[in-house]
PDB file of N, CA and C in Angstrom:
ATOM      1  N   MET A   1     114.719  62.809  94.962  1.00  0.00           N
ATOM      2  CA  MET A   1     113.280  63.505  94.459  1.00  0.00           C
ATOM      3  C   MET A   1     113.499  65.238  94.885  1.00  0.00           C
ATOM      4  N   ILE A   2     113.801  65.218  95.974  1.00  0.00           N
ATOM      5  CA  ILE A   2     113.620  67.033  96.351  1.00  0.00           C
ATOM      6  C   ILE A   2     114.809  67.592  95.458  1.00  0.00           C
ATOM      7  N   THR A   3     115.662  67.076  95.056  1.00  0.00           N
ATOM      8  CA  THR A   3     117.054  67.984  94.527  1.00  0.00           C
ATOM      9  C   THR A   3     116.556  68.254  93.160  1.00  0.00           C
ATOM     10  N   LYS A   4     115.569  67.448  92.628  1.00  0.00           N
ATOM     11  CA  LYS A   4     114.974  67.481  91.342  1.00  0.00           C
ATOM     12  C   LYS A   4     114.075  68.276  91.204  1.00  0.00           C
ATOM     13  N   THR A   5     113.069  68.326  92.137  1.00  0.00           N
ATOM     14  CA  THR A   5     111.982  69.439  91.999  1.00  0.00           C
ATOM     15  C   THR A   5     112.806  70.911  92.552  1.00  0.00           C
ATOM     16  N   VAL A   6     113.707  70.951  93.619  1.00  0.00           N
ATOM     17  CA  VAL A   6     114.429  72.574  93.509  1.00  0.00           C
ATOM     18  C   VAL A   6     115.024  73.001  92.124  1.00  0.00           C
ATOM     19  N   ILE A   7     116.088  72.218  91.247  1.00  0.00           N
ATOM     20  CA  ILE A   7     116.000  72.495  90.478  1.00  0.00           C
ATOM     21  C   ILE A   7     114.999  72.810  89.285  1.00  0.00           C
ATOM     22  N   ILE A   8     114.015  71.645  89.493  1.00  0.00           N
ATOM     23  CA  ILE A   8     112.674  71.953  88.579  1.00  0.00           C
ATOM     24  C   ILE A   8     111.653  73.835  88.623  1.00  0.00           C
ATOM     25  N   TYR A   9     112.070  73.777  90.262  1.00  0.00           N
ATOM     26  CA  TYR A   9     111.032  75.037  90.745  1.00  0.00           C
ATOM     27  C   TYR A   9     111.815  76.572  90.224  1.00  0.00           C
ATOM     28  N   VAL A  10     113.140  76.231  90.552  1.00  0.00           N
ATOM     29  CA  VAL A  10     114.510  77.362  89.962  1.00  0.00           C
ATOM     30  C   VAL A  10     114.104  77.520  88.237  1.00  0.00           C
ATOM     31  N   PHE A  11     113.933  76.238  87.737  1.00  0.00           N
ATOM     32  CA  PHE A  11     114.052  76.854  86.346  1.00  0.00           C
ATOM     33  C   PHE A  11     112.703  77.330  85.952  1.00  0.00           C
ATOM     34  N   LEU A  12     111.589  76.948  86.440  1.00  0.00           N
ATOM     35  CA  LEU A  12     110.570  77.586  86.123  1.00  0.00           C
ATOM     36  C   LEU A  12     110.644  79.145  86.851  1.00  0.00           C
ATOM     37  N   ASP A  13     111.385  79.503  87.572  1.00  0.00           N
ATOM     38  CA  ASP A  13     111.357  80.462  88.302  1.00  0.00           C
ATOM     39  C   ASP A  13     111.819  81.576  86.815  1.00  0.00           C
ATOM     40  N   ALA A  14     113.196  81.309  86.740  1.00  0.00           N
ATOM     41  CA  ALA A  14     114.017  81.692  85.339  1.00  0.00           C
ATOM     42  C   ALA A  14     113.060  82.069  84.473  1.00  0.00           C
ATOM     43  N   ILE A  15     112.018  80.971  84.080  1.00  0.00           N
ATOM     44  CA  ILE A  15     111.265  80.884  82.791  1.00  0.00           C
ATOM     45  C   ILE A  15     110.726  82.333  83.056  1.00  0.00           C
ATOM     46  N   PHE A  16     109.783  82.510  84.476  1.00  0.00           N
ATOM     47  CA  PHE A  16     108.550  83.516  84.499  1.00  0.00           C
ATOM     48  C   PHE A  16     109.112  84.821  84.678  1.00  0.00           C
ATOM     49  N   LYS A  17     110.247  84.670  85.483  1.00  0.00           N
ATOM     50  CA  LYS A  17     111.161  86.353  85.140  1.00  0.00           C
ATOM     51  C   LYS A  17     111.340  86.593  83.963  1.00  0.00           C
ATOM     52  N   MET A  18     111.890  85.710  82.677  1.00  0.00           N
ATOM     53  CA  MET A  18     111.979  86.034  81.373  1.00  0.00           C
ATOM     54  C   MET A  18     110.976  86.152  80.719  1.00  0.00           C
ATOM     55  N   LEU A  19     109.736  85.912  81.009  1.00  0.00           N
ATOM     56  CA  LEU A  19     108.288  86.106  80.232  1.00  0.00           C
ATOM     57  C   LEU A  19     107.812  87.414  81.126  1.00  0.00           C
ATOM     58  N   HIS A  20     108.300  88.210  81.974  1.00  0.00           N
ATOM     59  CA  HIS A  20     108.217  89.038  82.930  1.00  0.00           C
ATOM     60  C   HIS A  20     106.705  89.075  83.304  1.00  0.00           C
ATOM     61  N   HIS A  21     106.204  87.502  83.890  1.00  0.00           N
ATOM     62  CA  HIS A  21     105.168  87.266  84.552  1.00  0.00           C
ATOM     63  C   HIS A  21     104.735  87.523  86.055  1.00  0.00           C
ATOM     64  N   ILE A  22     103.177  88.245  85.557  1.00  0.00           N
ATOM     65  CA  ILE A  22     103.113  88.576  86.904  1.00  0.00           C
ATOM     66  C   ILE A  22     102.036  88.215  87.728  1.00  0.00           C
ATOM     67  N   GLU A  23     102.542  87.879  89.322  1.00  0.00           N
ATOM     68  CA  GLU A  23     101.306  87.273  89.863  1.00  0.00           C
ATOM     69  C   GLU A  23     100.438  87.778  90.126  1.00  0.00           C
ATOM     70  N   ALA A  24      99.197  87.216  90.442  1.00  0.00           N
ATOM     71  CA  ALA A  24      97.696  87.865  91.306  1.00  0.00           C
ATOM     72  C   ALA A  24      98.071  88.332  92.489  1.00  0.00           C
ATOM     73  N   MET A  25      97.882  89.106  93.345  1.00  0.00           N
ATOM     74  CA  MET A  25      98.147  89.747  94.429  1.00  0.00           C
ATOM     75  C   MET A  25      97.404  88.817  95.330  1.00  0.00           C
ATOM     76  N   HIS A  26      96.072  88.495  94.615  1.00  0.00           N
ATOM     77  CA  HIS A  26      95.142  87.970  96.065  1.00  0.00           C
ATOM     78  C   HIS A  26      94.993  85.930  96.021  1.00  0.00           C
ATOM     79  N   ARG A  27      96.007  86.026  95.856  1.00  0.00           N
ATOM     80  CA  ARG A  27      96.222  84.703  95.852  1.00  0.00           C
ATOM     81  C   ARG A  27      97.357  84.064  97.166  1.00  0.00           C
ATOM     82  N   LYS A  28      97.248  82.889  97.665  1.00  0.00           N
ATOM     83  CA  LYS A  28      97.997  82.748  98.975  1.00  0.00           C
ATOM     84  C   LYS A  28      98.993  81.602  98.368  1.00  0.00           C
ATOM     85  N   THR A  29      98.716  80.894  97.070  1.00  0.00           N
ATOM     86  CA  THR A  29      99.863  80.057  95.969  1.00  0.00           C
ATOM     87  C   THR A  29     100.166  80.708  95.179  1.00  0.00           C
ATOM     88  N   SER A  30     101.339  80.985  94.798  1.00  0.00           N
ATOM     89  CA  SER A  30     101.896  81.539  93.463  1.00  0.00           C
ATOM     90  C   SER A  30     101.562  80.801  92.560  1.00  0.00           C
ATOM     91  N   ASP A  31     101.587  81.316  91.352  1.00  0.00           N
ATOM     92  CA  ASP A  31     101.660  80.346  89.483  1.00  0.00           C
ATOM     93  C   ASP A  31     103.171  79.603  89.939  1.00  0.00           C
ATOM     94  N   LEU A  32     104.064  79.906  90.129  1.00  0.00           N
ATOM     95  CA  LEU A  32     105.419  78.870  90.532  1.00  0.00           C
ATOM     96  C   LEU A  32     105.616  77.733  90.820  1.00  0.00           C
ATOM     97  N   GLU A  33     104.651  77.897  92.419  1.00  0.00           N
ATOM     98  CA  GLU A  33     104.550  76.689  93.357  1.00  0.00           C
ATOM     99  C   GLU A  33     103.621  75.965  92.141  1.00  0.00           C
ATOM    100  N   ILE A  34     102.493  76.199  91.772  1.00  0.00           N
ATOM    101  CA  ILE A  34     101.096  75.462  90.750  1.00  0.00           C
ATOM    102  C   ILE A  34     102.027  74.682  90.271  1.00  0.00           C
ATOM    103  N   ALA A  35     102.794  75.279  88.984  1.00  0.00           N
ATOM    104  CA  ALA A  35     103.239  74.779  87.838  1.00  0.00           C
ATOM    105  C   ALA A  35     104.524  73.639  88.562  1.00  0.00           C
ATOM    106  N   THR A  36     105.108  73.788  89.458  1.00  0.00           N
ATOM    107  CA  THR A  36     106.177  73.333  90.168  1.00  0.00           C
ATOM    108  C   THR A  36     105.469  72.092  90.764  1.00  0.00           C
ATOM    109  N   THR A  37     104.312  71.892  91.063  1.00  0.00           N
ATOM    110  CA  THR A  37     103.407  70.327  91.372  1.00  0.00           C
ATOM    111  C   THR A  37     103.091  70.052  90.336  1.00  0.00           C
ATOM    112  N   LEU A  38     102.134  70.522  89.462  1.00  0.00           N
ATOM    113  CA  LEU A  38     101.882  70.024  88.585  1.00  0.00           C
ATOM    114  C   LEU A  38     103.201  69.219  87.337  1.00  0.00           C
ATOM    115  N   LEU A  39     103.832  69.776  87.729  1.00  0.00           N
ATOM    116  CA  LEU A  39     105.503  68.870  86.666  1.00  0.00           C
ATOM    117  C   LEU A  39     105.705  67.768  87.692  1.00  0.00           C
ATOM    118  N   ILE A  40     105.434  68.181  88.849  1.00  0.00           N
ATOM    119  CA  ILE A  40     106.417  66.912  89.867  1.00  0.00           C
ATOM    120  C   ILE A  40     105.031  65.707  89.725  1.00  0.00           C
ATOM    121  N   ALA A  41     103.784  66.426  89.976  1.00  0.00           N
ATOM    122  CA  ALA A  41     102.780  65.210  89.342  1.00  0.00           C
ATOM    123  C   ALA A  41     103.058  64.646  88.430  1.00  0.00           C
ATOM    124  N   ALA A  42     103.047  65.257  87.114  1.00  0.00           N
ATOM    125  CA  ALA A  42     103.227  64.723  86.201  1.00  0.00           C
ATOM    126  C   ALA A  42     103.940  63.614  85.989  1.00  0.00           C
ATOM    127  N   GLN A  43     105.407  64.246  86.181  1.00  0.00           N
ATOM    128  CA  GLN A  43     107.083  63.300  86.659  1.00  0.00           C
ATOM    129  C   GLN A  43     106.996  62.113  87.386  1.00  0.00           C
ATOM    130  N   TYR A  44     106.654  62.172  88.756  1.00  0.00           N
ATOM    131  CA  TYR A  44     106.949  61.165  89.529  1.00  0.00           C
ATOM    132  C   TYR A  44     105.356  60.507  89.644  1.00  0.00           C
ATOM    133  N   PHE A  45     104.369  61.303  90.108  1.00  0.00           N
ATOM    134  CA  PHE A  45     102.963  60.135  90.800  1.00  0.00           C
ATOM    135  C   PHE A  45     101.812  59.927  89.886  1.00  0.00           C
ATOM    136  N   GLY A  46     102.330  59.859  88.417  1.00  0.00           N
ATOM    137  CA  GLY A  46     101.303  59.521  87.043  1.00  0.00           C
ATOM    138  C   GLY A  46     100.283  60.497  87.166  1.00  0.00           C
ATOM    139  N   GLY A  47     100.615  61.794  87.306  1.00  0.00           N
ATOM    140  CA  GLY A  47      99.876  62.500  87.173  1.00  0.00           C
ATOM    141  C   GLY A  47      98.790  62.960  88.710  1.00  0.00           C
ATOM    142  N   ASN A  48      98.782  62.279  89.103  1.00  0.00           N
ATOM    143  CA  ASN A  48      98.135  62.289  90.572  1.00  0.00           C
ATOM    144  C   ASN A  48      98.589  63.409  91.167  1.00  0.00           C
ATOM    145  N   ILE A  49      97.878  64.621  90.933  1.00  0.00           N
ATOM    146  CA  ILE A  49      98.135  66.101  91.839  1.00  0.00           C
ATOM    147  C   ILE A  49      98.152  65.698  93.410  1.00  0.00           C
ATOM    148  N   GLU A  50      96.917  64.984  93.853  1.00  0.00           N
ATOM    149  CA  GLU A  50      96.520  65.047  95.095  1.00  0.00           C
ATOM    150  C   GLU A  50      97.995  64.918  95.942  1.00  0.00           C
ATOM    151  N   LYS A  51      98.695  63.524  95.092  1.00  0.00           N
ATOM    152  CA  LYS A  51      99.905  62.971  95.747  1.00  0.00           C
ATOM    153  C   LYS A  51     101.031  64.006  95.944  1.00  0.00           C
ATOM    154  N   ALA A  52     101.352  64.586  94.536  1.00  0.00           N
ATOM    155  CA  ALA A  52     102.086  65.769  94.564  1.00  0.00           C
ATOM    156  C   ALA A  52     101.779  66.412  95.603  1.00  0.00           C
ATOM    157  N   ILE A  53     100.635  67.174  96.039  1.00  0.00           N
ATOM    158  CA  ILE A  53     100.619  68.146  96.704  1.00  0.00           C
ATOM    159  C   ILE A  53     100.983  67.711  98.080  1.00  0.00           C
ATOM    160  N   GLY A  54     100.488  66.289  98.788  1.00  0.00           N
ATOM    161  CA  GLY A  54     100.932  66.062  99.701  1.00  0.00           C
ATOM    162  C   GLY A  54     102.428  65.741 100.077  1.00  0.00           C
ATOM    163  N   PHE A  55     103.193  65.458  98.508  1.00  0.00           N
ATOM    164  CA  PHE A  55     104.785  65.295  98.968  1.00  0.00           C
ATOM    165  C   PHE A  55     105.434  66.473  99.048  1.00  0.00           C
ATOM    166  N   SER A  56     104.765  68.036  98.291  1.00  0.00           N
ATOM    167  CA  SER A  56     104.888  69.606  98.688  1.00  0.00           C
ATOM    168  C   SER A  56     104.870  69.289 100.169  1.00  0.00           C
ATOM    169  N   VAL A  57     103.674  69.588 100.923  1.00  0.00           N
ATOM    170  CA  VAL A  57     103.469  69.696 102.114  1.00  0.00           C
ATOM    171  C   VAL A  57     104.357  69.512 103.112  1.00  0.00           C
ATOM    172  N   VAL A  58     104.367  67.842 103.118  1.00  0.00           N
ATOM    173  CA  VAL A  58     105.225  66.845 104.213  1.00  0.00           C
ATOM    174  C   VAL A  58     106.833  67.432 103.988  1.00  0.00           C
ATOM    175  N   ARG A  59     107.297  68.540 102.788  1.00  0.00           N
ATOM    176  CA  ARG A  59     108.687  68.226 102.953  1.00  0.00           C
ATOM    177  C   ARG A  59     108.989  70.056 103.066  1.00  0.00           C
ATOM    178  N   ALA A  60     107.625  70.780 103.169  1.00  0.00           N
ATOM    179  CA  ALA A  60     107.860  72.147 103.259  1.00  0.00           C
ATOM    180  C   ALA A  60     108.061  72.421 104.381  1.00  0.00           C
TER     181      ALA A  60
END
């Protein structure tokens, strides 16, 4: 699951770069991290965002 998470992150990063996405500077979490967490929640945790966040925090 970790490998797939990294693949999703890299894929979303490429999309964000193609779209010339601009991050808000005052936030602690990037849009890329949020989007990755949401996709991981949908794919592996039945949409449970809290479990996906827990997975991300434990792995970081």
